[in-house]
C-alpha atoms as a PDB file:
ATOM      1  CA  MET A   1     -21.738 -79.078  79.876  1.00  0.00           C
ATOM      2  CA  LYS A   2     -25.187 -78.891  78.273  1.00  0.00           C
ATOM      3  CA  GLN A   3     -26.408 -75.417  77.445  1.00  0.00           C
ATOM      4  CA  THR A   4     -29.943 -76.141  78.679  1.00  0.00           C
ATOM      5  CA  GLU A   5     -28.558 -76.717  82.173  1.00  0.00           C
ATOM      6  CA  ILE A   6     -26.656 -73.450  82.461  1.00  0.00           C
ATOM      7  CA  SER A   7     -27.466 -69.767  82.591  1.00  0.00           C
ATOM      8  CA  PHE A   8     -26.381 -67.171  80.083  1.00  0.00           C
ATOM      9  CA  GLU A   9     -23.824 -65.884  82.565  1.00  0.00           C
ATOM     10  CA  GLN A  10     -22.371 -69.352  83.120  1.00  0.00           C
ATOM     11  CA  ALA A  11     -22.149 -69.964  79.382  1.00  0.00           C
ATOM     12  CA  LEU A  12     -20.407 -66.637  78.860  1.00  0.00           C
ATOM     13  CA  LYS A  13     -17.908 -67.403  81.609  1.00  0.00           C
ATOM     14  CA  ARG A  14     -17.186 -70.808  80.084  1.00  0.00           C
ATOM     15  CA  LEU A  15     -16.705 -69.177  76.680  1.00  0.00           C
ATOM     16  CA  GLU A  16     -14.122 -66.846  78.223  1.00  0.00           C
ATOM     17  CA  GLU A  17     -12.328 -69.843  79.756  1.00  0.00           C
ATOM     18  CA  ILE A  18     -12.282 -71.644  76.418  1.00  0.00           C
ATOM     19  CA  ALA A  19     -10.964 -68.586  74.594  1.00  0.00           C
ATOM     20  CA  LYS A  20      -8.181 -68.253  77.158  1.00  0.00           C
ATOM     21  CA  LYS A  21      -7.242 -71.930  76.783  1.00  0.00           C
ATOM     22  CA  LEU A  22      -7.183 -71.680  73.008  1.00  0.00           C
ATOM     23  CA  GLU A  23      -5.058 -68.526  73.116  1.00  0.00           C
ATOM     24  CA  GLU A  24      -2.604 -69.388  75.873  1.00  0.00           C
ATOM     25  CA  GLU A  25      -2.236 -73.140  76.040  1.00  0.00           C
ATOM     26  CA  ASN A  26      -0.253 -75.339  73.709  1.00  0.00           C
ATOM     27  CA  LEU A  27      -3.068 -77.763  72.900  1.00  0.00           C
ATOM     28  CA  ASN A  28      -2.915 -80.721  70.581  1.00  0.00           C
ATOM     29  CA  LEU A  29      -5.247 -80.609  67.605  1.00  0.00           C
ATOM     30  CA  ASP A  30      -7.879 -82.949  69.087  1.00  0.00           C
ATOM     31  CA  ASP A  31      -8.160 -80.937  72.305  1.00  0.00           C
ATOM     32  CA  ALA A  32      -8.235 -77.647  70.413  1.00  0.00           C
ATOM     33  CA  LEU A  33     -11.054 -78.938  68.220  1.00  0.00           C
ATOM     34  CA  LYS A  34     -13.034 -80.125  71.261  1.00  0.00           C
ATOM     35  CA  TYR A  35     -12.724 -76.704  72.901  1.00  0.00           C
ATOM     36  CA  PHE A  36     -13.592 -74.975  69.641  1.00  0.00           C
ATOM     37  CA  GLU A  37     -16.691 -77.140  69.179  1.00  0.00           C
ATOM     38  CA  GLU A  38     -17.836 -76.487  72.745  1.00  0.00           C
ATOM     39  CA  GLY A  39     -17.218 -72.784  72.245  1.00  0.00           C
ATOM     40  CA  MET A  40     -19.308 -72.735  69.097  1.00  0.00           C
ATOM     41  CA  ARG A  41     -22.218 -74.457  70.884  1.00  0.00           C
ATOM     42  CA  LEU A  42     -21.978 -71.992  73.764  1.00  0.00           C
ATOM     43  CA  SER A  43     -21.772 -69.071  71.365  1.00  0.00           C
ATOM     44  CA  LYS A  44     -24.945 -70.217  69.616  1.00  0.00           C
ATOM     45  CA  PHE A  45     -26.678 -70.624  72.982  1.00  0.00           C
ATOM     46  CA  CYS A  46     -25.644 -67.114  74.090  1.00  0.00           C
ATOM     47  CA  ASN A  47     -26.758 -65.584  70.796  1.00  0.00           C
ATOM     48  CA  GLU A  48     -30.144 -67.289  71.107  1.00  0.00           C
ATOM     49  CA  GLN A  49     -30.538 -66.028  74.675  1.00  0.00           C
ATOM     50  CA  LEU A  50     -29.654 -62.479  73.623  1.00  0.00           C
ATOM     51  CA  SER A  51     -32.091 -62.642  70.724  1.00  0.00           C
ATOM     52  CA  GLN A  52     -34.888 -63.807  73.026  1.00  0.00           C
ATOM     53  CA  ALA A  53     -34.106 -61.012  75.479  1.00  0.00           C
ATOM     54  CA  GLU A  54     -34.107 -58.460  72.661  1.00  0.00           C
ATOM     55  CA  ASN A  55     -37.504 -59.701  71.463  1.00  0.00           C
ATOM     56  CA  LYS A  56     -38.904 -59.425  74.987  1.00  0.00           C
ATOM     57  CA  VAL A  57     -37.632 -55.844  75.264  1.00  0.00           C
ATOM     58  CA  LYS A  58     -39.247 -54.986  71.933  1.00  0.00           C
ATOM     59  CA  ILE A  59     -42.570 -56.412  73.108  1.00  0.00           C
ATOM     60  CA  ILE A  60     -42.362 -54.516  76.398  1.00  0.00           C
ATOM     61  CA  MET A  61     -41.508 -51.283  74.604  1.00  0.00           C
ATOM     62  CA  LYS A  62     -44.331 -51.761  72.100  1.00  0.00           C
ATOM     63  CA  ASP A  63     -46.817 -52.484  74.891  1.00  0.00           C
ATOM     64  CA  SER A  64     -45.590 -49.432  76.789  1.00  0.00           C
ATOM     65  CA  VAL A  65     -46.013 -47.157  73.776  1.00  0.00           C
ATOM     66  CA  LEU A  66     -49.494 -48.531  73.100  1.00  0.00           C
ATOM     67  CA  LYS A  67     -50.466 -47.984  76.737  1.00  0.00           C
ATOM     68  CA  GLU A  68     -49.208 -44.401  76.588  1.00  0.00           C
ATOM     69  CA  MET A  69     -51.199 -43.801  73.404  1.00  0.00           C
ATOM     70  CA  GLU A  70     -54.338 -45.179  75.043  1.00  0.00           C
ATOM     71  CA  ASP A  71     -53.777 -42.970  78.086  1.00  0.00           C
ATOM     72  CA  PHE A  72     -53.268 -39.964  75.831  1.00  0.00           C
ATOM     73  CA  GLU A  73     -56.589 -40.437  74.061  1.00  0.00           C
END
């Protein structure tokens, strides 16, 4: 599953599925490594999405404060 084709929510759900498989299933080493690698890619994708969202919130907050300052003057 490519990260560019999924939403943040879908990636997070898949990460939860992978974590459950790694914790509960008796996987052979090759399968465990494949799940781990996929999980790491999804984790990076989710972190990037969260970082972008955080930056957008900062911009919105900054713009809001500047607007309030302009209105105050």
